Amino acid sequence: MSRTTKSATEFAKTTLATAQRVLPDYSSPFSPRKFTQPQLLTMLALRQFFKLDYRGTIERLAEWKELREVLAIEQVPDFSTLIHAEKRLLKRGWSPNCSPPPSSVHGKRAC
């Protein structure tokens, strides 16, 4: 059985479930709490899945009700929210294309 999917909704469900297991809902006690980090990470993963820019990703989410339902959002964020979320997640060491090199010390990522 193949582990890859061409279904955006199935991809979003899997990504969101995984992100909810490994990320806290909010990066700070003072976060505005409009979107959780797992939701934002899933939106960023969908950006890569669709091979779109930030604005295109937001447009796709605005048009696709099923994706908004999977993400449990009623409104879509501004494209700049995704940019800031990606910078914050990269600062903490997450990257969609990042894997530790074979000679990494103590499992630290080299990205």
PDB file of N, CA and C in Angstrom:
ATOM      1  N   MET A   1       0.839  -1.165   0.000  1.00  0.00           N
ATOM      2  CA  MET A   1       0.000   0.000   0.000  1.00  0.00           C
ATOM      3  C   MET A   1       0.893   1.241   0.000  1.00  0.00           C
ATOM      4  N   SER A   2       0.537   2.191  -0.805  1.00  0.00           N
ATOM      5  CA  SER A   2       1.302   3.427  -0.920  1.00  0.00           C
ATOM      6  C   SER A   2       0.989   4.361   0.238  1.00  0.00           C
ATOM      7  N   ARG A   3       1.998   5.083   0.696  1.00  0.00           N
ATOM      8  CA  ARG A   3       1.796   6.031   1.791  1.00  0.00           C
ATOM      9  C   ARG A   3       1.643   7.456   1.288  1.00  0.00           C
ATOM     10  N   THR A   4       1.703   7.645   0.001  1.00  0.00           N
ATOM     11  CA  THR A   4       1.512   8.981  -0.547  1.00  0.00           C
ATOM     12  C   THR A   4       0.070   9.137  -0.979  1.00  0.00           C
ATOM     13  N   THR A   5      -0.383  10.371  -1.031  1.00  0.00           N
ATOM     14  CA  THR A   5      -1.751  10.644  -1.422  1.00  0.00           C
ATOM     15  C   THR A   5      -1.776  11.810  -2.385  1.00  0.00           C
ATOM     16  N   LYS A   6      -2.765  11.817  -3.219  1.00  0.00           N
ATOM     17  CA  LYS A   6      -2.984  12.944  -4.110  1.00  0.00           C
ATOM     18  C   LYS A   6      -4.184  13.748  -3.636  1.00  0.00           C
ATOM     19  N   SER A   7      -4.801  13.319  -2.542  1.00  0.00           N
ATOM     20  CA  SER A   7      -5.950  14.010  -1.974  1.00  0.00           C
ATOM     21  C   SER A   7      -5.483  15.078  -0.997  1.00  0.00           C
ATOM     22  N   ALA A   8      -5.842  16.307  -1.284  1.00  0.00           N
ATOM     23  CA  ALA A   8      -5.439  17.414  -0.405  1.00  0.00           C
ATOM     24  C   ALA A   8      -6.092  17.303   0.966  1.00  0.00           C
ATOM     25  N   THR A   9      -7.333  16.848   1.020  1.00  0.00           N
ATOM     26  CA  THR A   9      -8.007  16.746   2.315  1.00  0.00           C
ATOM     27  C   THR A   9      -7.393  15.639   3.178  1.00  0.00           C
ATOM     28  N   GLU A  10      -7.038  14.508   2.570  1.00  0.00           N
ATOM     29  CA  GLU A  10      -6.385  13.438   3.332  1.00  0.00           C
ATOM     30  C   GLU A  10      -5.002  13.881   3.806  1.00  0.00           C
ATOM     31  N   PHE A  11      -4.286  14.573   2.942  1.00  0.00           N
ATOM     32  CA  PHE A  11      -2.976  15.111   3.313  1.00  0.00           C
ATOM     33  C   PHE A  11      -3.114  16.075   4.489  1.00  0.00           C
ATOM     34  N   ALA A  12      -4.118  16.953   4.426  1.00  0.00           N
ATOM     35  CA  ALA A  12      -4.332  17.931   5.495  1.00  0.00           C
ATOM     36  C   ALA A  12      -4.702  17.242   6.808  1.00  0.00           C
ATOM     37  N   LYS A  13      -5.549  16.213   6.744  1.00  0.00           N
ATOM     38  CA  LYS A  13      -5.938  15.482   7.962  1.00  0.00           C
ATOM     39  C   LYS A  13      -4.721  14.848   8.629  1.00  0.00           C
ATOM     40  N   THR A  14      -3.896  14.193   7.830  1.00  0.00           N
ATOM     41  CA  THR A  14      -2.710  13.521   8.367  1.00  0.00           C
ATOM     42  C   THR A  14      -1.715  14.529   8.932  1.00  0.00           C
ATOM     43  N   THR A  15      -1.488  15.609   8.193  1.00  0.00           N
ATOM     44  CA  THR A  15      -0.544  16.630   8.639  1.00  0.00           C
ATOM     45  C   THR A  15      -1.019  17.298   9.922  1.00  0.00           C
ATOM     46  N   LEU A  16      -2.308  17.637   9.981  1.00  0.00           N
ATOM     47  CA  LEU A  16      -2.861  18.287  11.169  1.00  0.00           C
ATOM     48  C   LEU A  16      -2.765  17.374  12.387  1.00  0.00           C
ATOM     49  N   ALA A  17      -3.114  16.100  12.214  1.00  0.00           N
ATOM     50  CA  ALA A  17      -3.045  15.153  13.343  1.00  0.00           C
ATOM     51  C   ALA A  17      -1.617  15.018  13.862  1.00  0.00           C
ATOM     52  N   THR A  18      -0.661  14.942  12.958  1.00  0.00           N
ATOM     53  CA  THR A  18       0.740  14.837  13.358  1.00  0.00           C
ATOM     54  C   THR A  18       1.205  16.110  14.052  1.00  0.00           C
ATOM     55  N   ALA A  19       0.858  17.259  13.487  1.00  0.00           N
ATOM     56  CA  ALA A  19       1.266  18.541  14.076  1.00  0.00           C
ATOM     57  C   ALA A  19       0.655  18.728  15.457  1.00  0.00           C
ATOM     58  N   GLN A  20      -0.563  18.258  15.654  1.00  0.00           N
ATOM     59  CA  GLN A  20      -1.205  18.389  16.971  1.00  0.00           C
ATOM     60  C   GLN A  20      -0.504  17.544  18.020  1.00  0.00           C
ATOM     61  N   ARG A  21       0.112  16.453  17.591  1.00  0.00           N
ATOM     62  CA  ARG A  21       0.851  15.607  18.542  1.00  0.00           C
ATOM     63  C   ARG A  21       2.188  16.214  18.941  1.00  0.00           C
ATOM     64  N   VAL A  22       2.813  16.998  18.052  1.00  0.00           N
ATOM     65  CA  VAL A  22       4.184  17.440  18.321  1.00  0.00           C
ATOM     66  C   VAL A  22       4.323  18.931  18.629  1.00  0.00           C
ATOM     67  N   LEU A  23       3.317  19.726  18.352  1.00  0.00           N
ATOM     68  CA  LEU A  23       3.423  21.169  18.589  1.00  0.00           C
ATOM     69  C   LEU A  23       2.431  21.630  19.642  1.00  0.00           C
ATOM     70  N   PRO A  24       2.815  22.604  20.448  1.00  0.00           N
ATOM     71  CA  PRO A  24       1.821  23.219  21.337  1.00  0.00           C
ATOM     72  C   PRO A  24       0.848  24.033  20.489  1.00  0.00           C
ATOM     73  N   ASP A  25      -0.343  24.253  21.006  1.00  0.00           N
ATOM     74  CA  ASP A  25      -1.332  25.008  20.230  1.00  0.00           C
ATOM     75  C   ASP A  25      -0.865  26.431  19.924  1.00  0.00           C
ATOM     76  N   TYR A  26      -0.205  27.051  20.881  1.00  0.00           N
ATOM     77  CA  TYR A  26       0.213  28.447  20.695  1.00  0.00           C
ATOM     78  C   TYR A  26       1.676  28.611  21.073  1.00  0.00           C
ATOM     79  N   SER A  27       2.342  29.521  20.388  1.00  0.00           N
ATOM     80  CA  SER A  27       3.774  29.706  20.615  1.00  0.00           C
ATOM     81  C   SER A  27       4.063  30.536  21.857  1.00  0.00           C
ATOM     82  N   SER A  28       3.065  31.260  22.344  1.00  0.00           N
ATOM     83  CA  SER A  28       3.250  32.137  23.489  1.00  0.00           C
ATOM     84  C   SER A  28       1.934  32.264  24.244  1.00  0.00           C
ATOM     85  N   PRO A  29       2.007  32.518  25.539  1.00  0.00           N
ATOM     86  CA  PRO A  29       0.770  32.762  26.283  1.00  0.00           C
ATOM     87  C   PRO A  29       0.036  34.023  25.787  1.00  0.00           C
ATOM     88  N   PHE A  30       0.750  34.864  25.067  1.00  0.00           N
ATOM     89  CA  PHE A  30       0.170  36.120  24.595  1.00  0.00           C
ATOM     90  C   PHE A  30      -0.255  36.066  23.126  1.00  0.00           C
ATOM     91  N   SER A  31      -0.264  34.866  22.531  1.00  0.00           N
ATOM     92  CA  SER A  31      -0.679  34.702  21.136  1.00  0.00           C
ATOM     93  C   SER A  31      -2.135  35.129  20.978  1.00  0.00           C
ATOM     94  N   PRO A  32      -2.504  35.671  19.805  1.00  0.00           N
ATOM     95  CA  PRO A  32      -3.878  36.129  19.607  1.00  0.00           C
ATOM     96  C   PRO A  32      -4.919  35.003  19.575  1.00  0.00           C
ATOM     97  N   ARG A  33      -4.509  33.761  19.428  1.00  0.00           N
ATOM     98  CA  ARG A  33      -5.376  32.587  19.477  1.00  0.00           C
ATOM     99  C   ARG A  33      -6.431  32.559  18.369  1.00  0.00           C
ATOM    100  N   LYS A  34      -6.080  33.089  17.213  1.00  0.00           N
ATOM    101  CA  LYS A  34      -6.963  32.979  16.051  1.00  0.00           C
ATOM    102  C   LYS A  34      -6.749  31.657  15.337  1.00  0.00           C
ATOM    103  N   PHE A  35      -5.475  31.246  15.257  1.00  0.00           N
ATOM    104  CA  PHE A  35      -5.103  29.993  14.602  1.00  0.00           C
ATOM    105  C   PHE A  35      -4.074  29.290  15.478  1.00  0.00           C
ATOM    106  N   THR A  36      -4.163  27.967  15.539  1.00  0.00           N
ATOM    107  CA  THR A  36      -3.180  27.222  16.315  1.00  0.00           C
ATOM    108  C   THR A  36      -1.940  26.967  15.457  1.00  0.00           C
ATOM    109  N   GLN A  37      -0.833  26.651  16.117  1.00  0.00           N
ATOM    110  CA  GLN A  37       0.384  26.314  15.376  1.00  0.00           C
ATOM    111  C   GLN A  37       0.186  25.087  14.482  1.00  0.00           C
ATOM    112  N   PRO A  38      -0.517  24.041  14.950  1.00  0.00           N
ATOM    113  CA  PRO A  38      -0.765  22.915  14.046  1.00  0.00           C
ATOM    114  C   PRO A  38      -1.571  23.317  12.801  1.00  0.00           C
ATOM    115  N   GLN A  39      -2.538  24.206  12.965  1.00  0.00           N
ATOM    116  CA  GLN A  39      -3.301  24.675  11.801  1.00  0.00           C
ATOM    117  C   GLN A  39      -2.391  25.431  10.834  1.00  0.00           C
ATOM    118  N   LEU A  40      -1.564  26.310  11.371  1.00  0.00           N
ATOM    119  CA  LEU A  40      -0.661  27.091  10.517  1.00  0.00           C
ATOM    120  C   LEU A  40       0.366  26.192   9.833  1.00  0.00           C
ATOM    121  N   LEU A  41       0.895  25.222  10.557  1.00  0.00           N
ATOM    122  CA  LEU A  41       1.851  24.290   9.958  1.00  0.00           C
ATOM    123  C   LEU A  41       1.191  23.501   8.822  1.00  0.00           C
ATOM    124  N   THR A  42      -0.049  23.101   9.030  1.00  0.00           N
ATOM    125  CA  THR A  42      -0.778  22.373   7.990  1.00  0.00           C
ATOM    126  C   THR A  42      -0.996  23.264   6.770  1.00  0.00           C
ATOM    127  N   MET A  43      -1.306  24.528   6.986  1.00  0.00           N
ATOM    128  CA  MET A  43      -1.463  25.457   5.857  1.00  0.00           C
ATOM    129  C   MET A  43      -0.150  25.609   5.098  1.00  0.00           C
ATOM    130  N   LEU A  44       0.959  25.663   5.832  1.00  0.00           N
ATOM    131  CA  LEU A  44       2.267  25.762   5.178  1.00  0.00           C
ATOM    132  C   LEU A  44       2.603  24.477   4.414  1.00  0.00           C
ATOM    133  N   ALA A  45       2.215  23.341   4.967  1.00  0.00           N
ATOM    134  CA  ALA A  45       2.433  22.074   4.264  1.00  0.00           C
ATOM    135  C   ALA A  45       1.573  22.011   3.001  1.00  0.00           C
ATOM    136  N   LEU A  46       0.350  22.525   3.082  1.00  0.00           N
ATOM    137  CA  LEU A  46      -0.511  22.577   1.897  1.00  0.00           C
ATOM    138  C   LEU A  46       0.080  23.496   0.834  1.00  0.00           C
ATOM    139  N   ARG A  47       0.745  24.535   1.274  1.00  0.00           N
ATOM    140  CA  ARG A  47       1.425  25.431   0.330  1.00  0.00           C
ATOM    141  C   ARG A  47       2.438  24.637  -0.502  1.00  0.00           C
ATOM    142  N   GLN A  48       3.207  23.776   0.171  1.00  0.00           N
ATOM    143  CA  GLN A  48       4.177  22.930  -0.532  1.00  0.00           C
ATOM    144  C   GLN A  48       3.467  21.868  -1.385  1.00  0.00           C
ATOM    145  N   PHE A  49       2.384  21.313  -0.853  1.00  0.00           N
ATOM    146  CA  PHE A  49       1.621  20.279  -1.557  1.00  0.00           C
ATOM    147  C   PHE A  49       1.093  20.806  -2.896  1.00  0.00           C
ATOM    148  N   PHE A  50       0.561  22.028  -2.865  1.00  0.00           N
ATOM    149  CA  PHE A  50      -0.007  22.626  -4.082  1.00  0.00           C
ATOM    150  C   PHE A  50       1.030  23.356  -4.928  1.00  0.00           C
ATOM    151  N   LYS A  51       2.236  23.551  -4.362  1.00  0.00           N
ATOM    152  CA  LYS A  51       3.295  24.309  -5.046  1.00  0.00           C
ATOM    153  C   LYS A  51       2.826  25.730  -5.374  1.00  0.00           C
ATOM    154  N   LEU A  52       2.296  26.393  -4.338  1.00  0.00           N
ATOM    155  CA  LEU A  52       1.774  27.748  -4.490  1.00  0.00           C
ATOM    156  C   LEU A  52       2.593  28.723  -3.655  1.00  0.00           C
ATOM    157  N   ASP A  53       2.383  30.012  -3.903  1.00  0.00           N
ATOM    158  CA  ASP A  53       2.946  31.025  -3.030  1.00  0.00           C
ATOM    159  C   ASP A  53       1.970  31.249  -1.868  1.00  0.00           C
ATOM    160  N   TYR A  54       2.305  32.178  -0.971  1.00  0.00           N
ATOM    161  CA  TYR A  54       1.471  32.410   0.209  1.00  0.00           C
ATOM    162  C   TYR A  54       0.077  32.901  -0.172  1.00  0.00           C
ATOM    163  N   ARG A  55       0.008  33.859  -1.072  1.00  0.00           N
ATOM    164  CA  ARG A  55      -1.296  34.400  -1.475  1.00  0.00           C
ATOM    165  C   ARG A  55      -2.142  33.339  -2.179  1.00  0.00           C
ATOM    166  N   GLY A  56      -1.513  32.529  -3.005  1.00  0.00           N
ATOM    167  CA  GLY A  56      -2.237  31.457  -3.687  1.00  0.00           C
ATOM    168  C   GLY A  56      -2.780  30.428  -2.716  1.00  0.00           C
ATOM    169  N   THR A  57      -2.019  30.146  -1.684  1.00  0.00           N
ATOM    170  CA  THR A  57      -2.461  29.195  -0.667  1.00  0.00           C
ATOM    171  C   THR A  57      -3.688  29.720   0.052  1.00  0.00           C
ATOM    172  N   ILE A  58      -3.666  30.990   0.421  1.00  0.00           N
ATOM    173  CA  ILE A  58      -4.808  31.600   1.104  1.00  0.00           C
ATOM    174  C   ILE A  58      -6.026  31.601   0.189  1.00  0.00           C
ATOM    175  N   GLU A  59      -5.818  31.891  -1.073  1.00  0.00           N
ATOM    176  CA  GLU A  59      -6.923  31.887  -2.032  1.00  0.00           C
ATOM    177  C   GLU A  59      -7.519  30.490  -2.163  1.00  0.00           C
ATOM    178  N   ARG A  60      -6.666  29.483  -2.233  1.00  0.00           N
ATOM    179  CA  ARG A  60      -7.141  28.100  -2.332  1.00  0.00           C
ATOM    180  C   ARG A  60      -7.941  27.728  -1.089  1.00  0.00           C
ATOM    181  N   LEU A  61      -7.461  28.116   0.093  1.00  0.00           N
ATOM    182  CA  LEU A  61      -8.192  27.822   1.328  1.00  0.00           C
ATOM    183  C   LEU A  61      -9.543  28.543   1.363  1.00  0.00           C
ATOM    184  N   ALA A  62      -9.573  29.765   0.869  1.00  0.00           N
ATOM    185  CA  ALA A  62     -10.818  30.534   0.864  1.00  0.00           C
ATOM    186  C   ALA A  62     -11.859  29.883  -0.048  1.00  0.00           C
ATOM    187  N   GLU A  63     -11.410  29.264  -1.113  1.00  0.00           N
ATOM    188  CA  GLU A  63     -12.326  28.657  -2.084  1.00  0.00           C
ATOM    189  C   GLU A  63     -12.726  27.228  -1.722  1.00  0.00           C
ATOM    190  N   TRP A  64     -11.956  26.555  -0.898  1.00  0.00           N
ATOM    191  CA  TRP A  64     -12.134  25.124  -0.659  1.00  0.00           C
ATOM    192  C   TRP A  64     -12.691  24.878   0.744  1.00  0.00           C
ATOM    193  N   LYS A  65     -14.007  24.729   0.817  1.00  0.00           N
ATOM    194  CA  LYS A  65     -14.702  24.571   2.093  1.00  0.00           C
ATOM    195  C   LYS A  65     -14.243  23.330   2.859  1.00  0.00           C
ATOM    196  N   GLU A  66     -14.012  22.217   2.151  1.00  0.00           N
ATOM    197  CA  GLU A  66     -13.607  20.975   2.818  1.00  0.00           C
ATOM    198  C   GLU A  66     -12.262  21.122   3.535  1.00  0.00           C
ATOM    199  N   LEU A  67     -11.355  21.877   2.936  1.00  0.00           N
ATOM    200  CA  LEU A  67     -10.063  22.100   3.599  1.00  0.00           C
ATOM    201  C   LEU A  67     -10.242  22.947   4.853  1.00  0.00           C
ATOM    202  N   ARG A  68     -11.097  23.946   4.782  1.00  0.00           N
ATOM    203  CA  ARG A  68     -11.354  24.764   5.977  1.00  0.00           C
ATOM    204  C   ARG A  68     -11.995  23.920   7.071  1.00  0.00           C
ATOM    205  N   GLU A  69     -12.855  22.985   6.680  1.00  0.00           N
ATOM    206  CA  GLU A  69     -13.487  22.102   7.670  1.00  0.00           C
ATOM    207  C   GLU A  69     -12.454  21.177   8.311  1.00  0.00           C
ATOM    208  N   VAL A  70     -11.542  20.632   7.521  1.00  0.00           N
ATOM    209  CA  VAL A  70     -10.482  19.771   8.065  1.00  0.00           C
ATOM    210  C   VAL A  70      -9.635  20.561   9.056  1.00  0.00           C
ATOM    211  N   LEU A  71      -9.314  21.802   8.712  1.00  0.00           N
ATOM    212  CA  LEU A  71      -8.494  22.652   9.570  1.00  0.00           C
ATOM    213  C   LEU A  71      -9.282  23.241  10.748  1.00  0.00           C
ATOM    214  N   ALA A  72     -10.591  23.107  10.712  1.00  0.00           N
ATOM    215  CA  ALA A  72     -11.478  23.661  11.744  1.00  0.00           C
ATOM    216  C   ALA A  72     -11.331  25.175  11.848  1.00  0.00           C
ATOM    217  N   ILE A  73     -11.329  25.837  10.690  1.00  0.00           N
ATOM    218  CA  ILE A  73     -11.265  27.297  10.664  1.00  0.00           C
ATOM    219  C   ILE A  73     -12.481  27.831   9.913  1.00  0.00           C
ATOM    220  N   GLU A  74     -12.981  28.979  10.352  1.00  0.00           N
ATOM    221  CA  GLU A  74     -14.103  29.612   9.669  1.00  0.00           C
ATOM    222  C   GLU A  74     -13.617  30.680   8.700  1.00  0.00           C
ATOM    223  N   GLN A  75     -12.525  31.319   9.050  1.00  0.00           N
ATOM    224  CA  GLN A  75     -11.956  32.331   8.167  1.00  0.00           C
ATOM    225  C   GLN A  75     -10.501  31.963   7.895  1.00  0.00           C
ATOM    226  N   VAL A  76      -9.985  32.466   6.798  1.00  0.00           N
ATOM    227  CA  VAL A  76      -8.593  32.180   6.449  1.00  0.00           C
ATOM    228  C   VAL A  76      -7.710  33.328   6.924  1.00  0.00           C
ATOM    229  N   PRO A  77      -6.471  33.025   7.258  1.00  0.00           N
ATOM    230  CA  PRO A  77      -5.569  34.088   7.702  1.00  0.00           C
ATOM    231  C   PRO A  77      -5.107  34.952   6.537  1.00  0.00           C
ATOM    232  N   ASP A  78      -4.563  36.085   6.861  1.00  0.00           N
ATOM    233  CA  ASP A  78      -3.891  36.900   5.866  1.00  0.00           C
ATOM    234  C   ASP A  78      -2.616  36.171   5.447  1.00  0.00           C
ATOM    235  N   PHE A  79      -2.171  36.400   4.226  1.00  0.00           N
ATOM    236  CA  PHE A  79      -0.969  35.701   3.748  1.00  0.00           C
ATOM    237  C   PHE A  79       0.239  36.000   4.629  1.00  0.00           C
ATOM    238  N   SER A  80       0.290  37.180   5.225  1.00  0.00           N
ATOM    239  CA  SER A  80       1.437  37.532   6.066  1.00  0.00           C
ATOM    240  C   SER A  80       1.484  36.684   7.343  1.00  0.00           C
ATOM    241  N   THR A  81       0.342  36.188   7.781  1.00  0.00           N
ATOM    242  CA  THR A  81       0.314  35.301   8.945  1.00  0.00           C
ATOM    243  C   THR A  81       1.105  34.033   8.658  1.00  0.00           C
ATOM    244  N   LEU A  82       0.964  33.509   7.441  1.00  0.00           N
ATOM    245  CA  LEU A  82       1.722  32.310   7.065  1.00  0.00           C
ATOM    246  C   LEU A  82       3.217  32.603   6.994  1.00  0.00           C
ATOM    247  N   ILE A  83       3.562  33.778   6.492  1.00  0.00           N
ATOM    248  CA  ILE A  83       4.977  34.147   6.406  1.00  0.00           C
ATOM    249  C   ILE A  83       5.592  34.207   7.804  1.00  0.00           C
ATOM    250  N   HIS A  84       4.900  34.873   8.722  1.00  0.00           N
ATOM    251  CA  HIS A  84       5.418  35.002  10.097  1.00  0.00           C
ATOM    252  C   HIS A  84       5.465  33.643  10.795  1.00  0.00           C
ATOM    253  N   ALA A  85       4.455  32.807  10.554  1.00  0.00           N
ATOM    254  CA  ALA A  85       4.444  31.475  11.176  1.00  0.00           C
ATOM    255  C   ALA A  85       5.606  30.637  10.659  1.00  0.00           C
ATOM    256  N   GLU A  86       5.870  30.711   9.367  1.00  0.00           N
ATOM    257  CA  GLU A  86       6.981  29.941   8.807  1.00  0.00           C
ATOM    258  C   GLU A  86       8.311  30.408   9.385  1.00  0.00           C
ATOM    259  N   LYS A  87       8.496  31.709   9.511  1.00  0.00           N
ATOM    260  CA  LYS A  87       9.737  32.232  10.111  1.00  0.00           C
ATOM    261  C   LYS A  87       9.885  31.737  11.550  1.00  0.00           C
ATOM    262  N   ARG A  88       8.794  31.748  12.300  1.00  0.00           N
ATOM    263  CA  ARG A  88       8.840  31.322  13.697  1.00  0.00           C
ATOM    264  C   ARG A  88       9.158  29.823  13.783  1.00  0.00           C
ATOM    265  N   LEU A  89       8.520  29.023  12.935  1.00  0.00           N
ATOM    266  CA  LEU A  89       8.769  27.585  12.964  1.00  0.00           C
ATOM    267  C   LEU A  89      10.179  27.252  12.491  1.00  0.00           C
ATOM    268  N   LEU A  90      10.697  27.984  11.509  1.00  0.00           N
ATOM    269  CA  LEU A  90      12.071  27.767  11.052  1.00  0.00           C
ATOM    270  C   LEU A  90      13.064  28.137  12.137  1.00  0.00           C
ATOM    271  N   LYS A  91      12.756  29.185  12.889  1.00  0.00           N
ATOM    272  CA  LYS A  91      13.628  29.618  13.983  1.00  0.00           C
ATOM    273  C   LYS A  91      13.750  28.513  15.029  1.00  0.00           C
ATOM    274  N   ARG A  92      12.692  27.726  15.185  1.00  0.00           N
ATOM    275  CA  ARG A  92      12.701  26.628  16.153  1.00  0.00           C
ATOM    276  C   ARG A  92      13.243  25.337  15.569  1.00  0.00           C
ATOM    277  N   GLY A  93      13.589  25.347  14.299  1.00  0.00           N
ATOM    278  CA  GLY A  93      14.225  24.172  13.724  1.00  0.00           C
ATOM    279  C   GLY A  93      13.362  23.346  12.800  1.00  0.00           C
ATOM    280  N   TRP A  94      12.113  23.741  12.540  1.00  0.00           N
ATOM    281  CA  TRP A  94      11.273  22.985  11.616  1.00  0.00           C
ATOM    282  C   TRP A  94      11.527  23.454  10.201  1.00  0.00           C
ATOM    283  N   SER A  95      11.565  22.517   9.289  1.00  0.00           N
ATOM    284  CA  SER A  95      11.673  22.848   7.879  1.00  0.00           C
ATOM    285  C   SER A  95      11.077  21.710   7.074  1.00  0.00           C
ATOM    286  N   PRO A  96      10.275  22.012   6.039  1.00  0.00           N
ATOM    287  CA  PRO A  96       9.674  20.933   5.267  1.00  0.00           C
ATOM    288  C   PRO A  96      10.700  20.098   4.504  1.00  0.00           C
ATOM    289  N   ASN A  97      11.871  20.659   4.224  1.00  0.00           N
ATOM    290  CA  ASN A  97      12.881  19.945   3.443  1.00  0.00           C
ATOM    291  C   ASN A  97      14.153  19.700   4.246  1.00  0.00           C
ATOM    292  N   CYS A  98      14.061  19.728   5.552  1.00  0.00           N
ATOM    293  CA  CYS A  98      15.249  19.645   6.392  1.00  0.00           C
ATOM    294  C   CYS A  98      15.366  18.266   7.032  1.00  0.00           C
ATOM    295  N   SER A  99      16.528  17.674   6.908  1.00  0.00           N
ATOM    296  CA  SER A  99      16.795  16.420   7.592  1.00  0.00           C
ATOM    297  C   SER A  99      18.187  16.508   8.197  1.00  0.00           C
ATOM    298  N   PRO A 100      18.409  15.834   9.323  1.00  0.00           N
ATOM    299  CA  PRO A 100      19.724  15.926   9.953  1.00  0.00           C
ATOM    300  C   PRO A 100      20.789  15.262   9.104  1.00  0.00           C
ATOM    301  N   PRO A 101      21.961  15.873   9.014  1.00  0.00           N
ATOM    302  CA  PRO A 101      23.044  15.251   8.259  1.00  0.00           C
ATOM    303  C   PRO A 101      23.583  14.041   9.010  1.00  0.00           C
ATOM    304  N   PRO A 102      24.250  13.128   8.315  1.00  0.00           N
ATOM    305  CA  PRO A 102      24.751  11.918   8.972  1.00  0.00           C
ATOM    306  C   PRO A 102      25.733  12.211  10.097  1.00  0.00           C
ATOM    307  N   SER A 103      26.481  13.299  10.014  1.00  0.00           N
ATOM    308  CA  SER A 103      27.482  13.596  11.031  1.00  0.00           C
ATOM    309  C   SER A 103      27.000  14.631  12.049  1.00  0.00           C
ATOM    310  N   SER A 104      25.667  14.785  12.198  1.00  0.00           N
ATOM    311  CA  SER A 104      25.177  15.801  13.116  1.00  0.00           C
ATOM    312  C   SER A 104      25.514  15.412  14.556  1.00  0.00           C
ATOM    313  N   VAL A 105      25.777  16.422  15.343  1.00  0.00           N
ATOM    314  CA  VAL A 105      26.128  16.223  16.739  1.00  0.00           C
ATOM    315  C   VAL A 105      24.875  16.337  17.582  1.00  0.00           C
ATOM    316  N   HIS A 106      24.595  15.330  18.377  1.00  0.00           N
ATOM    317  CA  HIS A 106      23.476  15.305  19.289  1.00  0.00           C
ATOM    318  C   HIS A 106      22.136  15.477  18.563  1.00  0.00           C
ATOM    319  N   GLY A 107      22.031  15.075  17.322  1.00  0.00           N
ATOM    320  CA  GLY A 107      20.766  15.106  16.599  1.00  0.00           C
ATOM    321  C   GLY A 107      20.309  16.489  16.182  1.00  0.00           C
ATOM    322  N   LYS A 108      21.193  17.500  16.266  1.00  0.00           N
ATOM    323  CA  LYS A 108      20.796  18.841  15.870  1.00  0.00           C
ATOM    324  C   LYS A 108      20.703  18.926  14.351  1.00  0.00           C
ATOM    325  N   ARG A 109      19.747  19.691  13.887  1.00  0.00           N
ATOM    326  CA  ARG A 109      19.566  19.848  12.454  1.00  0.00           C
ATOM    327  C   ARG A 109      20.522  20.896  11.916  1.00  0.00           C
ATOM    328  N   ALA A 110      20.961  20.666  10.716  1.00  0.00           N
ATOM    329  CA  ALA A 110      21.853  21.620  10.061  1.00  0.00           C
ATOM    330  C   ALA A 110      21.167  22.172   8.823  1.00  0.00           C
ATOM    331  N   CYS A 111      20.355  23.177   9.024  1.00  0.00           N
ATOM    332  CA  CYS A 111      19.611  23.772   7.906  1.00  0.00           C
ATOM    333  C   CYS A 111      19.937  25.233   7.766  1.00  0.00           C
TER     334      CYS A 111
END
